[in-house]
Amino acid sequence: MTIATRQWLFNAFKVSVYTLLVINIFLYLRHGTLNEALDSLGWVLLLGVFEWETRALAAPYVSGFEKAGLWALQIIGYGLAINAARVYFMSAEWLDFANAVLWLLVCATIIYDVFVPGEFGTHEWRVRNAIKICLYVALGGIALWWGLTSDWLDFYDALLWILCFFVIELNIFKHEVELEHAHHPDGADGAA
């Protein structure tokens, strides 16, 4: 399989999963609550920003309009996500609240990756990635619970989100590997 074919398949996968998440907004409107639909909308906006930001981590913003647009989408996305978490807390929907908080923590680690990338293979890099693994395992546990309790829409939605953020993590990892090869072309890892 050629590199171009692999890239095309990967992009088709991303578009398919992202499209399913947009459809989930409407599924939550029909079969869930308005809060769940707005929660999904907020996260779709944030996912779009993360995809945009992590597709070319070293590239500067093309214009002030691009930067302002991304900030506006983030403000709206985080506003919706944090409000949904607040509603889950106020309604004593503890599993939904825990899920929302864990995703906000995942976002914090991704923001750290984007703006303070660190050096590939160092102690700080390993700790940061261990934290992310723990967060994703906890999110997987929540998804599994929803599946075991036959909460199929939340289970399906949780799996889609984990897949989508896996794509974002792949974007970050690809960038880290490229930086490592640029700094150490002879193959020495430079890890502390």
N, C-alpha and C. Protein backbone atom coordinates (compact mmCIF):
# COMPACT_ATOMS: atom_id res chain seq x y z
N MET A 1 0.85 -1.17 0.00
CA MET A 1 0.00 0.00 0.00
C MET A 1 0.90 1.24 0.00
N THR A 2 0.61 2.17 -0.87
CA THR A 2 1.44 3.37 -0.98
C THR A 2 1.14 4.33 0.16
N ILE A 3 2.06 5.26 0.36
CA ILE A 3 1.86 6.28 1.40
C ILE A 3 0.63 7.12 1.08
N ALA A 4 0.45 7.44 -0.20
CA ALA A 4 -0.72 8.24 -0.61
C ALA A 4 -2.02 7.49 -0.31
N THR A 5 -2.03 6.20 -0.56
CA THR A 5 -3.23 5.40 -0.28
C THR A 5 -3.51 5.34 1.22
N ARG A 6 -2.46 5.14 2.01
CA ARG A 6 -2.63 5.11 3.47
C ARG A 6 -3.15 6.45 3.98
N GLN A 7 -2.60 7.54 3.44
CA GLN A 7 -3.05 8.86 3.86
C GLN A 7 -4.51 9.08 3.48
N TRP A 8 -4.89 8.64 2.27
CA TRP A 8 -6.28 8.78 1.83
C TRP A 8 -7.21 7.98 2.73
N LEU A 9 -6.82 6.74 3.06
CA LEU A 9 -7.65 5.91 3.94
C LEU A 9 -7.78 6.52 5.33
N PHE A 10 -6.67 7.05 5.84
CA PHE A 10 -6.69 7.68 7.16
C PHE A 10 -7.62 8.90 7.14
N ASN A 11 -7.52 9.72 6.10
CA ASN A 11 -8.39 10.89 5.99
C ASN A 11 -9.85 10.48 5.84
N ALA A 12 -10.12 9.43 5.08
CA ALA A 12 -11.50 8.93 4.92
C ALA A 12 -12.03 8.44 6.27
N PHE A 13 -11.19 7.76 7.04
CA PHE A 13 -11.57 7.31 8.38
C PHE A 13 -11.92 8.51 9.26
N LYS A 14 -11.06 9.53 9.26
CA LYS A 14 -11.31 10.72 10.08
C LYS A 14 -12.63 11.38 9.70
N VAL A 15 -12.83 11.58 8.41
CA VAL A 15 -14.07 12.23 7.96
C VAL A 15 -15.28 11.40 8.36
N SER A 16 -15.19 10.09 8.24
CA SER A 16 -16.31 9.21 8.61
C SER A 16 -16.64 9.32 10.09
N VAL A 17 -15.63 9.25 10.93
CA VAL A 17 -15.87 9.30 12.37
C VAL A 17 -16.35 10.68 12.79
N TYR A 18 -15.75 11.73 12.23
CA TYR A 18 -16.19 13.08 12.56
C TYR A 18 -17.63 13.31 12.12
N THR A 19 -17.99 12.77 10.97
CA THR A 19 -19.37 12.88 10.49
C THR A 19 -20.33 12.18 11.44
N LEU A 20 -19.94 11.00 11.92
CA LEU A 20 -20.78 10.29 12.89
C LEU A 20 -20.99 11.11 14.16
N LEU A 21 -19.97 11.85 14.58
CA LEU A 21 -20.12 12.68 15.77
C LEU A 21 -21.10 13.83 15.54
N VAL A 22 -21.07 14.40 14.34
CA VAL A 22 -22.05 15.45 14.03
C VAL A 22 -23.46 14.86 14.04
N ILE A 23 -23.61 13.67 13.49
CA ILE A 23 -24.91 12.99 13.52
C ILE A 23 -25.36 12.75 14.96
N ASN A 24 -24.39 12.46 15.85
CA ASN A 24 -24.74 12.23 17.26
C ASN A 24 -25.41 13.43 17.90
N ILE A 25 -25.05 14.64 17.47
CA ILE A 25 -25.71 15.83 18.01
C ILE A 25 -27.22 15.70 17.79
N PHE A 26 -27.58 15.30 16.59
CA PHE A 26 -29.00 15.16 16.26
C PHE A 26 -29.63 13.96 16.96
N LEU A 27 -28.84 12.89 17.14
CA LEU A 27 -29.36 11.74 17.90
C LEU A 27 -29.67 12.14 19.34
N TYR A 28 -28.80 12.95 19.94
CA TYR A 28 -29.06 13.40 21.30
C TYR A 28 -30.26 14.35 21.35
N LEU A 29 -30.44 15.15 20.32
CA LEU A 29 -31.63 16.00 20.28
C LEU A 29 -32.90 15.17 20.24
N ARG A 30 -32.84 14.06 19.52
CA ARG A 30 -34.03 13.22 19.35
C ARG A 30 -34.23 12.24 20.51
N HIS A 31 -33.14 11.62 20.97
CA HIS A 31 -33.26 10.53 21.96
C HIS A 31 -32.66 10.86 23.32
N GLY A 32 -32.03 12.01 23.44
CA GLY A 32 -31.40 12.37 24.70
C GLY A 32 -31.99 13.67 25.22
N THR A 33 -31.12 14.48 25.79
CA THR A 33 -31.56 15.77 26.33
C THR A 33 -30.91 16.90 25.55
N LEU A 34 -31.45 18.09 25.71
CA LEU A 34 -30.85 19.27 25.08
C LEU A 34 -29.43 19.48 25.61
N ASN A 35 -29.22 19.25 26.90
CA ASN A 35 -27.89 19.40 27.48
C ASN A 35 -26.90 18.45 26.81
N GLU A 36 -27.31 17.21 26.57
CA GLU A 36 -26.42 16.25 25.91
C GLU A 36 -26.11 16.68 24.48
N ALA A 37 -27.11 17.22 23.78
CA ALA A 37 -26.89 17.69 22.41
C ALA A 37 -25.93 18.89 22.39
N LEU A 38 -26.14 19.83 23.31
CA LEU A 38 -25.24 20.99 23.39
C LEU A 38 -23.84 20.58 23.82
N ASP A 39 -23.76 19.61 24.71
CA ASP A 39 -22.48 19.04 25.13
C ASP A 39 -21.75 18.48 23.91
N SER A 40 -22.45 17.70 23.10
CA SER A 40 -21.85 17.13 21.89
C SER A 40 -21.42 18.22 20.92
N LEU A 41 -22.26 19.24 20.75
CA LEU A 41 -21.91 20.34 19.85
C LEU A 41 -20.63 21.03 20.32
N GLY A 42 -20.54 21.30 21.62
CA GLY A 42 -19.32 21.92 22.16
C GLY A 42 -18.09 21.09 21.88
N TRP A 43 -18.20 19.79 22.08
CA TRP A 43 -17.06 18.91 21.86
C TRP A 43 -16.72 18.78 20.38
N VAL A 44 -17.71 18.80 19.51
CA VAL A 44 -17.43 18.77 18.06
C VAL A 44 -16.65 20.03 17.67
N LEU A 45 -17.04 21.18 18.21
CA LEU A 45 -16.30 22.41 17.93
C LEU A 45 -14.86 22.30 18.42
N LEU A 46 -14.68 21.79 19.64
CA LEU A 46 -13.33 21.63 20.19
C LEU A 46 -12.52 20.63 19.38
N LEU A 47 -13.15 19.55 18.97
CA LEU A 47 -12.46 18.55 18.15
C LEU A 47 -11.98 19.18 16.84
N GLY A 48 -12.84 19.99 16.23
CA GLY A 48 -12.44 20.67 15.00
C GLY A 48 -11.23 21.56 15.21
N VAL A 49 -11.22 22.29 16.33
CA VAL A 49 -10.07 23.15 16.63
C VAL A 49 -8.83 22.30 16.86
N PHE A 50 -8.95 21.22 17.63
CA PHE A 50 -7.79 20.36 17.87
C PHE A 50 -7.27 19.74 16.58
N GLU A 51 -8.17 19.31 15.72
CA GLU A 51 -7.74 18.75 14.43
C GLU A 51 -6.98 19.81 13.64
N TRP A 52 -7.50 21.03 13.60
CA TRP A 52 -6.86 22.12 12.87
C TRP A 52 -5.50 22.45 13.48
N GLU A 53 -5.45 22.55 14.81
CA GLU A 53 -4.21 22.93 15.50
C GLU A 53 -3.14 21.84 15.41
N THR A 54 -3.55 20.57 15.44
CA THR A 54 -2.55 19.49 15.49
C THR A 54 -2.18 18.95 14.12
N ARG A 55 -2.84 19.37 13.07
CA ARG A 55 -2.51 18.86 11.74
C ARG A 55 -1.14 19.34 11.30
N ALA A 56 -0.74 20.52 11.75
CA ALA A 56 0.57 21.08 11.41
C ALA A 56 1.05 21.89 12.60
N LEU A 57 1.52 21.21 13.61
CA LEU A 57 1.84 21.86 14.89
C LEU A 57 2.89 22.95 14.79
N ALA A 58 3.85 22.81 13.90
CA ALA A 58 4.93 23.78 13.82
C ALA A 58 4.56 24.99 12.96
N ALA A 59 3.46 24.91 12.23
CA ALA A 59 3.09 25.99 11.31
C ALA A 59 2.47 27.16 12.07
N PRO A 60 2.87 28.39 11.73
CA PRO A 60 2.24 29.55 12.36
C PRO A 60 0.84 29.76 11.79
N TYR A 61 0.06 30.56 12.49
CA TYR A 61 -1.27 30.91 11.97
C TYR A 61 -1.09 31.67 10.67
N VAL A 62 -1.97 31.42 9.71
CA VAL A 62 -1.90 32.08 8.40
C VAL A 62 -2.27 33.55 8.53
N SER A 63 -3.24 33.84 9.40
CA SER A 63 -3.70 35.22 9.56
C SER A 63 -4.27 35.42 10.95
N GLY A 64 -4.50 36.67 11.27
CA GLY A 64 -5.16 36.99 12.52
C GLY A 64 -6.59 36.48 12.54
N PHE A 65 -7.21 36.44 11.36
CA PHE A 65 -8.58 35.92 11.24
C PHE A 65 -8.62 34.44 11.62
N GLU A 66 -7.63 33.67 11.15
CA GLU A 66 -7.58 32.25 11.50
C GLU A 66 -7.45 32.07 13.01
N LYS A 67 -6.52 32.82 13.61
CA LYS A 67 -6.30 32.71 15.05
C LYS A 67 -7.54 33.13 15.83
N ALA A 68 -8.17 34.24 15.44
CA ALA A 68 -9.37 34.72 16.12
C ALA A 68 -10.52 33.73 15.97
N GLY A 69 -10.66 33.16 14.77
CA GLY A 69 -11.72 32.18 14.54
C GLY A 69 -11.55 30.95 15.41
N LEU A 70 -10.31 30.47 15.51
CA LEU A 70 -10.04 29.30 16.35
C LEU A 70 -10.31 29.60 17.82
N TRP A 71 -9.92 30.79 18.27
CA TRP A 71 -10.18 31.18 19.65
C TRP A 71 -11.68 31.28 19.91
N ALA A 72 -12.42 31.85 18.96
CA ALA A 72 -13.88 31.98 19.13
C ALA A 72 -14.53 30.60 19.23
N LEU A 73 -14.11 29.67 18.36
CA LEU A 73 -14.66 28.31 18.41
C LEU A 73 -14.33 27.63 19.73
N GLN A 74 -13.11 27.86 20.22
CA GLN A 74 -12.73 27.27 21.51
C GLN A 74 -13.57 27.84 22.65
N ILE A 75 -13.78 29.14 22.65
CA ILE A 75 -14.57 29.77 23.71
C ILE A 75 -15.99 29.20 23.71
N ILE A 76 -16.59 29.10 22.53
CA ILE A 76 -17.94 28.53 22.43
C ILE A 76 -17.92 27.06 22.85
N GLY A 77 -16.96 26.30 22.33
CA GLY A 77 -16.88 24.87 22.64
C GLY A 77 -16.68 24.61 24.12
N TYR A 78 -15.71 25.30 24.73
CA TYR A 78 -15.48 25.11 26.16
C TYR A 78 -16.67 25.62 26.98
N GLY A 79 -17.27 26.70 26.54
CA GLY A 79 -18.45 27.20 27.25
C GLY A 79 -19.56 26.16 27.29
N LEU A 80 -19.83 25.54 26.14
CA LEU A 80 -20.86 24.50 26.08
C LEU A 80 -20.47 23.27 26.90
N ALA A 81 -19.20 22.85 26.80
CA ALA A 81 -18.75 21.65 27.52
C ALA A 81 -18.76 21.88 29.03
N ILE A 82 -18.29 23.04 29.47
CA ILE A 82 -18.27 23.32 30.91
C ILE A 82 -19.68 23.49 31.44
N ASN A 83 -20.54 24.15 30.67
CA ASN A 83 -21.93 24.28 31.10
C ASN A 83 -22.60 22.91 31.22
N ALA A 84 -22.33 22.03 30.25
CA ALA A 84 -22.90 20.68 30.32
C ALA A 84 -22.41 19.96 31.58
N ALA A 85 -21.11 20.10 31.88
CA ALA A 85 -20.57 19.47 33.10
C ALA A 85 -21.27 20.04 34.34
N ARG A 86 -21.51 21.34 34.34
CA ARG A 86 -22.22 21.98 35.46
C ARG A 86 -23.62 21.40 35.61
N VAL A 87 -24.32 21.24 34.48
CA VAL A 87 -25.68 20.68 34.52
C VAL A 87 -25.64 19.24 35.02
N TYR A 88 -24.66 18.46 34.55
CA TYR A 88 -24.54 17.07 35.04
C TYR A 88 -24.32 17.06 36.55
N PHE A 89 -23.47 17.97 37.04
CA PHE A 89 -23.20 18.05 38.47
C PHE A 89 -24.47 18.44 39.24
N MET A 90 -25.14 19.48 38.77
CA MET A 90 -26.35 19.97 39.45
C MET A 90 -27.48 18.93 39.42
N SER A 91 -27.48 18.08 38.40
CA SER A 91 -28.51 17.04 38.27
C SER A 91 -28.09 15.72 38.90
N ALA A 92 -26.91 15.72 39.54
CA ALA A 92 -26.36 14.52 40.17
C ALA A 92 -26.21 13.36 39.18
N GLU A 93 -25.87 13.70 37.94
CA GLU A 93 -25.56 12.68 36.92
C GLU A 93 -24.05 12.45 36.98
N TRP A 94 -23.63 11.67 37.98
CA TRP A 94 -22.22 11.59 38.34
C TRP A 94 -21.35 10.96 37.27
N LEU A 95 -21.85 9.96 36.57
CA LEU A 95 -21.04 9.34 35.53
C LEU A 95 -20.83 10.30 34.37
N ASP A 96 -21.88 11.02 33.98
CA ASP A 96 -21.74 12.03 32.92
C ASP A 96 -20.81 13.15 33.37
N PHE A 97 -20.92 13.54 34.64
CA PHE A 97 -20.04 14.58 35.17
C PHE A 97 -18.59 14.12 35.15
N ALA A 98 -18.33 12.90 35.63
CA ALA A 98 -16.96 12.37 35.62
C ALA A 98 -16.43 12.30 34.19
N ASN A 99 -17.25 11.85 33.27
CA ASN A 99 -16.85 11.78 31.87
C ASN A 99 -16.47 13.17 31.35
N ALA A 100 -17.30 14.17 31.65
CA ALA A 100 -17.03 15.53 31.19
C ALA A 100 -15.73 16.07 31.77
N VAL A 101 -15.51 15.84 33.06
CA VAL A 101 -14.29 16.33 33.71
C VAL A 101 -13.05 15.63 33.13
N LEU A 102 -13.15 14.32 32.92
CA LEU A 102 -12.02 13.60 32.32
C LEU A 102 -11.69 14.13 30.94
N TRP A 103 -12.71 14.41 30.13
CA TRP A 103 -12.44 14.96 28.80
C TRP A 103 -11.83 16.35 28.88
N LEU A 104 -12.26 17.16 29.83
CA LEU A 104 -11.64 18.48 30.00
C LEU A 104 -10.17 18.33 30.40
N LEU A 105 -9.85 17.33 31.21
CA LEU A 105 -8.45 17.07 31.56
C LEU A 105 -7.66 16.59 30.35
N VAL A 106 -8.27 15.76 29.50
CA VAL A 106 -7.61 15.35 28.25
C VAL A 106 -7.30 16.59 27.42
N CYS A 107 -8.26 17.50 27.34
CA CYS A 107 -8.05 18.74 26.58
C CYS A 107 -6.87 19.53 27.15
N ALA A 108 -6.78 19.59 28.47
CA ALA A 108 -5.66 20.31 29.10
C ALA A 108 -4.33 19.69 28.69
N THR A 109 -4.27 18.37 28.62
CA THR A 109 -3.01 17.74 28.22
C THR A 109 -2.71 18.00 26.75
N ILE A 110 -3.73 18.04 25.91
CA ILE A 110 -3.51 18.32 24.49
C ILE A 110 -3.07 19.77 24.30
N ILE A 111 -3.69 20.68 25.03
CA ILE A 111 -3.26 22.08 24.95
C ILE A 111 -1.80 22.19 25.36
N TYR A 112 -1.43 21.48 26.40
CA TYR A 112 -0.03 21.46 26.83
C TYR A 112 0.86 20.93 25.70
N ASP A 113 0.42 19.85 25.05
CA ASP A 113 1.19 19.29 23.93
C ASP A 113 1.38 20.31 22.81
N VAL A 114 0.34 21.07 22.52
CA VAL A 114 0.38 22.03 21.42
C VAL A 114 1.29 23.21 21.75
N PHE A 115 1.17 23.75 22.96
CA PHE A 115 1.89 24.98 23.28
C PHE A 115 3.19 24.78 24.06
N VAL A 116 3.37 23.62 24.70
CA VAL A 116 4.61 23.33 25.44
C VAL A 116 5.00 21.89 25.09
N PRO A 117 5.42 21.66 23.84
CA PRO A 117 5.58 20.27 23.40
C PRO A 117 6.65 19.45 24.12
N GLY A 118 7.64 20.08 24.72
CA GLY A 118 8.67 19.29 25.38
C GLY A 118 9.49 18.51 24.37
N GLU A 119 10.39 17.70 24.87
CA GLU A 119 11.26 16.92 23.99
C GLU A 119 10.88 15.45 24.06
N PHE A 120 10.77 14.86 22.90
CA PHE A 120 10.40 13.46 22.72
C PHE A 120 11.29 12.56 23.58
N GLY A 121 10.67 11.66 24.35
CA GLY A 121 11.40 10.64 25.09
C GLY A 121 11.94 11.07 26.44
N THR A 122 11.78 12.34 26.81
CA THR A 122 12.30 12.79 28.11
C THR A 122 11.37 12.32 29.23
N HIS A 123 11.83 12.51 30.46
CA HIS A 123 11.02 12.14 31.63
C HIS A 123 9.68 12.87 31.61
N GLU A 124 9.72 14.18 31.34
CA GLU A 124 8.49 14.98 31.29
C GLU A 124 7.54 14.45 30.23
N TRP A 125 8.06 14.06 29.08
CA TRP A 125 7.26 13.52 27.98
C TRP A 125 6.60 12.21 28.42
N ARG A 126 7.37 11.35 29.10
CA ARG A 126 6.82 10.07 29.55
C ARG A 126 5.74 10.27 30.62
N VAL A 127 5.96 11.19 31.55
CA VAL A 127 4.96 11.47 32.59
C VAL A 127 3.69 12.01 31.96
N ARG A 128 3.83 12.96 31.05
CA ARG A 128 2.67 13.55 30.38
C ARG A 128 1.86 12.48 29.66
N ASN A 129 2.54 11.59 28.97
CA ASN A 129 1.84 10.54 28.24
C ASN A 129 1.25 9.49 29.17
N ALA A 130 1.90 9.24 30.30
CA ALA A 130 1.32 8.32 31.30
C ALA A 130 0.02 8.90 31.86
N ILE A 131 0.00 10.20 32.10
CA ILE A 131 -1.22 10.85 32.57
C ILE A 131 -2.33 10.70 31.53
N LYS A 132 -1.99 10.92 30.26
CA LYS A 132 -3.00 10.78 29.21
C LYS A 132 -3.52 9.35 29.12
N ILE A 133 -2.63 8.39 29.25
CA ILE A 133 -3.07 6.99 29.21
C ILE A 133 -4.05 6.71 30.35
N CYS A 134 -3.74 7.20 31.54
CA CYS A 134 -4.66 7.01 32.68
C CYS A 134 -6.02 7.65 32.40
N LEU A 135 -6.01 8.84 31.82
CA LEU A 135 -7.28 9.51 31.50
C LEU A 135 -8.08 8.71 30.48
N TYR A 136 -7.40 8.22 29.43
CA TYR A 136 -8.11 7.45 28.40
C TYR A 136 -8.61 6.10 28.94
N VAL A 137 -7.85 5.49 29.84
CA VAL A 137 -8.31 4.23 30.46
C VAL A 137 -9.57 4.50 31.29
N ALA A 138 -9.57 5.59 32.04
CA ALA A 138 -10.76 5.94 32.82
C ALA A 138 -11.95 6.20 31.90
N LEU A 139 -11.72 6.90 30.80
CA LEU A 139 -12.80 7.15 29.83
C LEU A 139 -13.29 5.85 29.21
N GLY A 140 -12.36 4.94 28.93
CA GLY A 140 -12.74 3.62 28.42
C GLY A 140 -13.58 2.86 29.43
N GLY A 141 -13.24 3.00 30.71
CA GLY A 141 -14.02 2.36 31.77
C GLY A 141 -15.44 2.90 31.83
N ILE A 142 -15.59 4.21 31.68
CA ILE A 142 -16.93 4.80 31.67
C ILE A 142 -17.71 4.29 30.46
N ALA A 143 -17.05 4.26 29.30
CA ALA A 143 -17.71 3.74 28.09
C ALA A 143 -18.15 2.30 28.30
N LEU A 144 -17.26 1.50 28.88
CA LEU A 144 -17.59 0.10 29.14
C LEU A 144 -18.80 -0.01 30.08
N TRP A 145 -18.83 0.82 31.11
CA TRP A 145 -19.97 0.82 32.03
C TRP A 145 -21.26 1.11 31.29
N TRP A 146 -21.23 2.13 30.42
CA TRP A 146 -22.43 2.45 29.65
C TRP A 146 -22.85 1.27 28.78
N GLY A 147 -21.87 0.58 28.20
CA GLY A 147 -22.20 -0.60 27.40
C GLY A 147 -22.80 -1.71 28.24
N LEU A 148 -22.22 -1.96 29.42
CA LEU A 148 -22.72 -3.02 30.29
C LEU A 148 -24.10 -2.73 30.85
N THR A 149 -24.44 -1.44 30.97
CA THR A 149 -25.75 -1.07 31.50
C THR A 149 -26.75 -0.75 30.38
N SER A 150 -26.40 -1.13 29.17
CA SER A 150 -27.26 -0.97 27.99
C SER A 150 -27.62 0.48 27.67
N ASP A 151 -26.74 1.39 28.03
CA ASP A 151 -26.92 2.80 27.65
C ASP A 151 -26.20 2.98 26.31
N TRP A 152 -26.84 2.45 25.26
CA TRP A 152 -26.17 2.27 23.98
C TRP A 152 -25.75 3.57 23.31
N LEU A 153 -26.55 4.62 23.40
CA LEU A 153 -26.19 5.88 22.75
C LEU A 153 -24.95 6.47 23.40
N ASP A 154 -24.90 6.48 24.74
CA ASP A 154 -23.72 6.99 25.42
C ASP A 154 -22.50 6.10 25.17
N PHE A 155 -22.71 4.79 25.13
CA PHE A 155 -21.62 3.85 24.85
C PHE A 155 -21.04 4.11 23.46
N TYR A 156 -21.91 4.17 22.48
CA TYR A 156 -21.50 4.43 21.09
C TYR A 156 -20.81 5.78 20.97
N ASP A 157 -21.39 6.80 21.59
CA ASP A 157 -20.82 8.14 21.55
C ASP A 157 -19.44 8.16 22.20
N ALA A 158 -19.30 7.50 23.34
CA ALA A 158 -18.01 7.47 24.04
C ALA A 158 -16.94 6.80 23.19
N LEU A 159 -17.29 5.70 22.54
CA LEU A 159 -16.31 5.03 21.67
C LEU A 159 -15.90 5.91 20.51
N LEU A 160 -16.85 6.62 19.92
CA LEU A 160 -16.51 7.54 18.82
C LEU A 160 -15.56 8.64 19.30
N TRP A 161 -15.82 9.19 20.47
CA TRP A 161 -14.95 10.25 20.99
C TRP A 161 -13.55 9.72 21.27
N ILE A 162 -13.45 8.54 21.82
CA ILE A 162 -12.13 7.97 22.07
C ILE A 162 -11.39 7.78 20.76
N LEU A 163 -12.08 7.29 19.73
CA LEU A 163 -11.47 7.16 18.40
C LEU A 163 -11.01 8.50 17.86
N CYS A 164 -11.85 9.51 17.98
CA CYS A 164 -11.50 10.83 17.45
C CYS A 164 -10.29 11.42 18.16
N PHE A 165 -10.25 11.29 19.45
CA PHE A 165 -9.11 11.84 20.16
C PHE A 165 -7.86 11.00 19.93
N PHE A 166 -8.02 9.73 19.59
CA PHE A 166 -6.89 8.91 19.17
C PHE A 166 -6.27 9.51 17.91
N VAL A 167 -7.10 9.99 17.00
CA VAL A 167 -6.61 10.64 15.78
C VAL A 167 -5.82 11.89 16.14
N ILE A 168 -6.33 12.69 17.07
CA ILE A 168 -5.62 13.89 17.50
C ILE A 168 -4.28 13.50 18.12
N GLU A 169 -4.28 12.46 18.95
CA GLU A 169 -3.03 11.99 19.56
C GLU A 169 -2.04 11.52 18.49
N LEU A 170 -2.54 10.88 17.44
CA LEU A 170 -1.66 10.48 16.33
C LEU A 170 -1.04 11.69 15.65
N ASN A 171 -1.82 12.75 15.47
CA ASN A 171 -1.28 13.98 14.90
C ASN A 171 -0.14 14.51 15.76
N ILE A 172 -0.34 14.53 17.07
CA ILE A 172 0.67 15.03 17.99
C ILE A 172 1.90 14.13 17.96
N PHE A 173 1.69 12.82 18.01
CA PHE A 173 2.81 11.88 18.01
C PHE A 173 3.62 12.00 16.72
N LYS A 174 2.94 12.13 15.59
CA LYS A 174 3.63 12.29 14.31
C LYS A 174 4.53 13.53 14.35
N HIS A 175 4.01 14.61 14.90
CA HIS A 175 4.79 15.84 15.01
C HIS A 175 6.00 15.64 15.94
N GLU A 176 5.78 14.96 17.06
CA GLU A 176 6.88 14.72 18.00
C GLU A 176 7.98 13.88 17.36
N VAL A 177 7.59 12.87 16.60
CA VAL A 177 8.57 12.02 15.92
C VAL A 177 9.33 12.83 14.87
N GLU A 178 8.62 13.67 14.12
CA GLU A 178 9.28 14.52 13.12
C GLU A 178 10.28 15.46 13.78
N LEU A 179 9.90 16.06 14.92
CA LEU A 179 10.82 16.93 15.65
C LEU A 179 12.04 16.16 16.14
N GLU A 180 11.80 14.96 16.65
CA GLU A 180 12.90 14.13 17.14
C GLU A 180 13.88 13.82 16.02
N HIS A 181 13.36 13.46 14.85
CA HIS A 181 14.24 13.15 13.72
C HIS A 181 14.97 14.40 13.24
N ALA A 182 14.34 15.56 13.33
CA ALA A 182 14.99 16.81 12.93
C ALA A 182 16.11 17.17 13.89
N HIS A 183 15.90 16.93 15.19
CA HIS A 183 16.92 17.26 16.19
C HIS A 183 18.01 16.20 16.30
N HIS A 184 17.68 14.95 15.99
CA HIS A 184 18.62 13.85 16.12
C HIS A 184 18.56 12.97 14.87
N PRO A 185 19.04 13.49 13.73
CA PRO A 185 18.91 12.73 12.47
C PRO A 185 19.71 11.43 12.46
N ASP A 186 20.69 11.30 13.34
CA ASP A 186 21.51 10.08 13.37
C ASP A 186 20.85 8.93 14.11
N GLY A 187 19.66 9.19 14.70
CA GLY A 187 18.93 8.12 15.38
C GLY A 187 19.10 8.13 16.88
N ALA A 188 20.01 8.98 17.40
CA ALA A 188 20.15 9.08 18.86
C ALA A 188 18.90 9.73 19.41
N ASP A 189 18.36 9.18 20.47
CA ASP A 189 17.08 9.69 20.95
C ASP A 189 17.19 10.91 21.84
N GLY A 190 18.32 11.16 22.42
CA GLY A 190 18.49 12.34 23.26
C GLY A 190 17.64 12.32 24.52
N ALA A 191 17.09 11.18 24.85
CA ALA A 191 16.21 11.11 26.03
C ALA A 191 17.02 11.25 27.29
N ALA A 192 16.40 11.87 28.29
CA ALA A 192 17.06 12.05 29.58
C ALA A 192 16.88 10.83 30.44
